[in-house]
Amino acid sequence: MLQVQEEQFDVNDIYLIYKGEKIKKDMAFLEVMELHNNRMEKLVGIEYATRYYQKWRGMHTLIKGFIKKTYKRNVVFIK
């Protein structure tokens, strides 16, 4: 089925279809960064200092502005 659709796929996509789940499409760069920051927030005080978490949050804001100014759009997808 994946070959007929002529889209790129990997082992994880085959496994997701086997389980009956939808294949995950390309994620936006800021979406990946937000996922990272949310995971990092849970580890503040355990693996990360508060200042590093704050720096990553600040970077998210800066990159969001950079993408908007440079690419004239709000979303850049990772392929």
N, C-alpha and C. Protein backbone atom coordinates (compact mmCIF):
# COMPACT_ATOMS: atom_id res chain seq x y z
N MET A 1 0.83 -1.19 0.00
CA MET A 1 0.00 0.00 0.00
C MET A 1 0.87 1.26 0.00
N LEU A 2 1.92 1.25 0.80
CA LEU A 2 2.80 2.42 0.85
C LEU A 2 3.54 2.61 -0.46
N GLN A 3 3.92 1.53 -1.11
CA GLN A 3 4.62 1.64 -2.38
C GLN A 3 3.71 2.19 -3.47
N VAL A 4 2.44 1.82 -3.45
CA VAL A 4 1.49 2.29 -4.45
C VAL A 4 1.28 3.79 -4.32
N GLN A 5 1.31 4.31 -3.10
CA GLN A 5 1.10 5.73 -2.87
C GLN A 5 2.31 6.56 -3.30
N GLU A 6 3.43 5.89 -3.60
CA GLU A 6 4.66 6.53 -4.06
C GLU A 6 5.16 7.62 -3.12
N GLU A 7 4.99 7.41 -1.84
CA GLU A 7 5.53 8.31 -0.84
C GLU A 7 6.67 7.60 -0.13
N GLN A 8 7.60 8.38 0.39
CA GLN A 8 8.68 7.78 1.14
C GLN A 8 8.15 7.26 2.46
N PHE A 9 8.68 6.13 2.89
CA PHE A 9 8.27 5.56 4.16
C PHE A 9 9.44 4.80 4.76
N ASP A 10 9.32 4.54 6.05
CA ASP A 10 10.37 3.79 6.72
C ASP A 10 9.74 2.68 7.57
N VAL A 11 10.55 2.01 8.33
CA VAL A 11 10.09 0.89 9.14
C VAL A 11 9.02 1.33 10.14
N ASN A 12 9.18 2.51 10.71
CA ASN A 12 8.19 3.01 11.67
C ASN A 12 6.82 3.19 11.03
N ASP A 13 6.79 3.63 9.77
CA ASP A 13 5.52 3.79 9.08
C ASP A 13 4.84 2.44 8.88
N ILE A 14 5.62 1.42 8.52
CA ILE A 14 5.05 0.08 8.35
C ILE A 14 4.48 -0.42 9.67
N TYR A 15 5.21 -0.20 10.75
CA TYR A 15 4.75 -0.63 12.07
C TYR A 15 3.46 0.08 12.48
N LEU A 16 3.39 1.39 12.22
CA LEU A 16 2.19 2.14 12.57
C LEU A 16 0.97 1.64 11.79
N ILE A 17 1.15 1.34 10.51
CA ILE A 17 0.03 0.81 9.73
C ILE A 17 -0.37 -0.57 10.25
N TYR A 18 0.60 -1.39 10.61
CA TYR A 18 0.32 -2.71 11.18
C TYR A 18 -0.52 -2.60 12.45
N LYS A 19 -0.21 -1.59 13.28
CA LYS A 19 -0.96 -1.38 14.52
C LYS A 19 -2.31 -0.71 14.27
N GLY A 20 -2.54 -0.24 13.03
CA GLY A 20 -3.80 0.43 12.72
C GLY A 20 -3.78 1.92 12.99
N GLU A 21 -2.60 2.48 13.18
CA GLU A 21 -2.47 3.91 13.45
C GLU A 21 -2.12 4.64 12.17
N LYS A 22 -2.29 5.96 12.20
CA LYS A 22 -1.97 6.78 11.04
C LYS A 22 -0.47 7.05 10.99
N ILE A 23 0.01 7.19 9.77
CA ILE A 23 1.43 7.52 9.57
C ILE A 23 1.64 8.98 9.93
N LYS A 24 2.70 9.22 10.64
CA LYS A 24 3.02 10.59 11.02
C LYS A 24 3.63 11.31 9.83
N LYS A 25 3.11 12.47 9.54
CA LYS A 25 3.61 13.27 8.43
C LYS A 25 4.76 14.15 8.92
N ASP A 26 5.28 14.94 8.01
CA ASP A 26 6.38 15.85 8.36
C ASP A 26 5.94 16.78 9.48
N MET A 27 6.87 17.03 10.39
CA MET A 27 6.58 17.92 11.51
C MET A 27 7.18 19.29 11.24
N ALA A 28 6.55 20.29 11.77
CA ALA A 28 7.07 21.64 11.66
C ALA A 28 8.27 21.79 12.60
N PHE A 29 9.22 22.62 12.21
CA PHE A 29 10.42 22.81 13.01
C PHE A 29 10.07 23.30 14.41
N LEU A 30 9.19 24.28 14.48
CA LEU A 30 8.82 24.83 15.80
C LEU A 30 8.04 23.81 16.62
N GLU A 31 7.32 22.92 15.96
CA GLU A 31 6.59 21.86 16.66
C GLU A 31 7.58 20.90 17.33
N VAL A 32 8.64 20.57 16.62
CA VAL A 32 9.69 19.70 17.18
C VAL A 32 10.39 20.39 18.34
N MET A 33 10.66 21.66 18.17
CA MET A 33 11.33 22.41 19.24
C MET A 33 10.43 22.52 20.48
N GLU A 34 9.14 22.71 20.26
CA GLU A 34 8.19 22.78 21.38
C GLU A 34 8.12 21.44 22.11
N LEU A 35 8.15 20.35 21.35
CA LEU A 35 8.16 19.01 21.95
C LEU A 35 9.41 18.84 22.82
N HIS A 36 10.55 19.28 22.30
CA HIS A 36 11.80 19.22 23.06
C HIS A 36 11.70 20.03 24.34
N ASN A 37 11.18 21.26 24.22
CA ASN A 37 11.09 22.14 25.39
C ASN A 37 10.15 21.58 26.44
N ASN A 38 9.06 20.96 26.02
CA ASN A 38 8.13 20.37 26.98
C ASN A 38 8.77 19.21 27.74
N ARG A 39 9.54 18.40 27.02
CA ARG A 39 10.26 17.30 27.69
C ARG A 39 11.33 17.84 28.63
N MET A 40 12.01 18.87 28.17
CA MET A 40 13.06 19.47 28.98
C MET A 40 12.49 20.09 30.26
N GLU A 41 11.30 20.70 30.15
CA GLU A 41 10.67 21.33 31.31
C GLU A 41 10.42 20.31 32.42
N LYS A 42 10.07 19.10 32.04
CA LYS A 42 9.81 18.05 33.03
C LYS A 42 11.08 17.60 33.73
N LEU A 43 12.24 17.86 33.10
CA LEU A 43 13.51 17.41 33.67
C LEU A 43 14.30 18.53 34.33
N VAL A 44 13.69 19.72 34.45
CA VAL A 44 14.37 20.83 35.14
C VAL A 44 14.55 20.43 36.61
N GLY A 45 15.75 20.60 37.08
CA GLY A 45 16.06 20.24 38.46
C GLY A 45 16.54 18.80 38.59
N ILE A 46 16.30 17.99 37.56
CA ILE A 46 16.75 16.59 37.57
C ILE A 46 17.98 16.46 36.66
N GLU A 47 17.82 16.83 35.40
CA GLU A 47 18.92 16.75 34.45
C GLU A 47 19.36 18.12 33.92
N TYR A 48 18.47 19.11 34.01
CA TYR A 48 18.76 20.42 33.45
C TYR A 48 18.56 21.50 34.51
N ALA A 49 19.36 22.55 34.40
CA ALA A 49 19.19 23.72 35.26
C ALA A 49 18.11 24.61 34.66
N THR A 50 17.48 25.38 35.50
CA THR A 50 16.40 26.27 35.06
C THR A 50 16.87 27.23 33.99
N ARG A 51 18.09 27.72 34.09
CA ARG A 51 18.58 28.70 33.12
C ARG A 51 18.69 28.11 31.72
N TYR A 52 19.04 26.82 31.60
CA TYR A 52 19.11 26.20 30.28
C TYR A 52 17.72 26.07 29.66
N TYR A 53 16.77 25.73 30.48
CA TYR A 53 15.39 25.65 30.00
C TYR A 53 14.92 27.02 29.52
N GLN A 54 15.23 28.06 30.26
CA GLN A 54 14.84 29.42 29.88
C GLN A 54 15.52 29.83 28.58
N LYS A 55 16.78 29.42 28.38
CA LYS A 55 17.48 29.74 27.14
C LYS A 55 16.82 29.06 25.95
N TRP A 56 16.39 27.82 26.11
CA TRP A 56 15.72 27.10 25.03
C TRP A 56 14.37 27.75 24.72
N ARG A 57 13.66 28.20 25.73
CA ARG A 57 12.39 28.92 25.50
C ARG A 57 12.65 30.22 24.73
N GLY A 58 13.71 30.92 25.11
CA GLY A 58 14.07 32.15 24.41
C GLY A 58 14.47 31.88 22.97
N MET A 59 15.20 30.78 22.75
CA MET A 59 15.59 30.41 21.39
C MET A 59 14.36 30.12 20.53
N HIS A 60 13.37 29.49 21.12
CA HIS A 60 12.13 29.19 20.40
C HIS A 60 11.49 30.48 19.89
N THR A 61 11.44 31.48 20.74
CA THR A 61 10.87 32.77 20.36
C THR A 61 11.70 33.44 19.25
N LEU A 62 13.02 33.40 19.38
CA LEU A 62 13.88 34.01 18.37
C LEU A 62 13.76 33.30 17.02
N ILE A 63 13.74 31.99 17.04
CA ILE A 63 13.64 31.23 15.79
C ILE A 63 12.28 31.43 15.14
N LYS A 64 11.25 31.55 15.95
CA LYS A 64 9.91 31.82 15.42
C LYS A 64 9.91 33.15 14.66
N GLY A 65 10.53 34.17 15.22
CA GLY A 65 10.63 35.46 14.56
C GLY A 65 11.50 35.39 13.31
N PHE A 66 12.58 34.62 13.37
CA PHE A 66 13.47 34.45 12.22
C PHE A 66 12.74 33.80 11.06
N ILE A 67 11.98 32.75 11.34
CA ILE A 67 11.23 32.05 10.29
C ILE A 67 10.22 32.99 9.65
N LYS A 68 9.52 33.75 10.48
CA LYS A 68 8.51 34.67 9.96
C LYS A 68 9.15 35.75 9.08
N LYS A 69 10.28 36.29 9.52
CA LYS A 69 10.93 37.37 8.78
C LYS A 69 11.61 36.84 7.52
N THR A 70 12.31 35.73 7.62
CA THR A 70 13.09 35.21 6.51
C THR A 70 12.23 34.52 5.45
N TYR A 71 11.32 33.66 5.89
CA TYR A 71 10.53 32.86 4.95
C TYR A 71 9.13 33.40 4.70
N LYS A 72 8.76 34.45 5.42
CA LYS A 72 7.45 35.09 5.26
C LYS A 72 6.29 34.12 5.50
N ARG A 73 6.49 33.20 6.43
CA ARG A 73 5.42 32.29 6.82
C ARG A 73 5.66 31.83 8.26
N ASN A 74 4.65 31.20 8.82
CA ASN A 74 4.73 30.80 10.24
C ASN A 74 5.25 29.38 10.43
N VAL A 75 5.23 28.58 9.38
CA VAL A 75 5.56 27.16 9.53
C VAL A 75 6.62 26.77 8.50
N VAL A 76 7.66 26.06 8.98
CA VAL A 76 8.67 25.45 8.13
C VAL A 76 8.72 23.99 8.52
N PHE A 77 8.49 23.11 7.56
CA PHE A 77 8.44 21.68 7.85
C PHE A 77 9.81 21.04 7.71
N ILE A 78 10.04 20.01 8.52
CA ILE A 78 11.26 19.22 8.47
C ILE A 78 10.93 17.99 7.66
N LYS A 79 11.77 17.69 6.70
CA LYS A 79 11.56 16.48 5.87
C LYS A 79 12.64 15.48 6.16
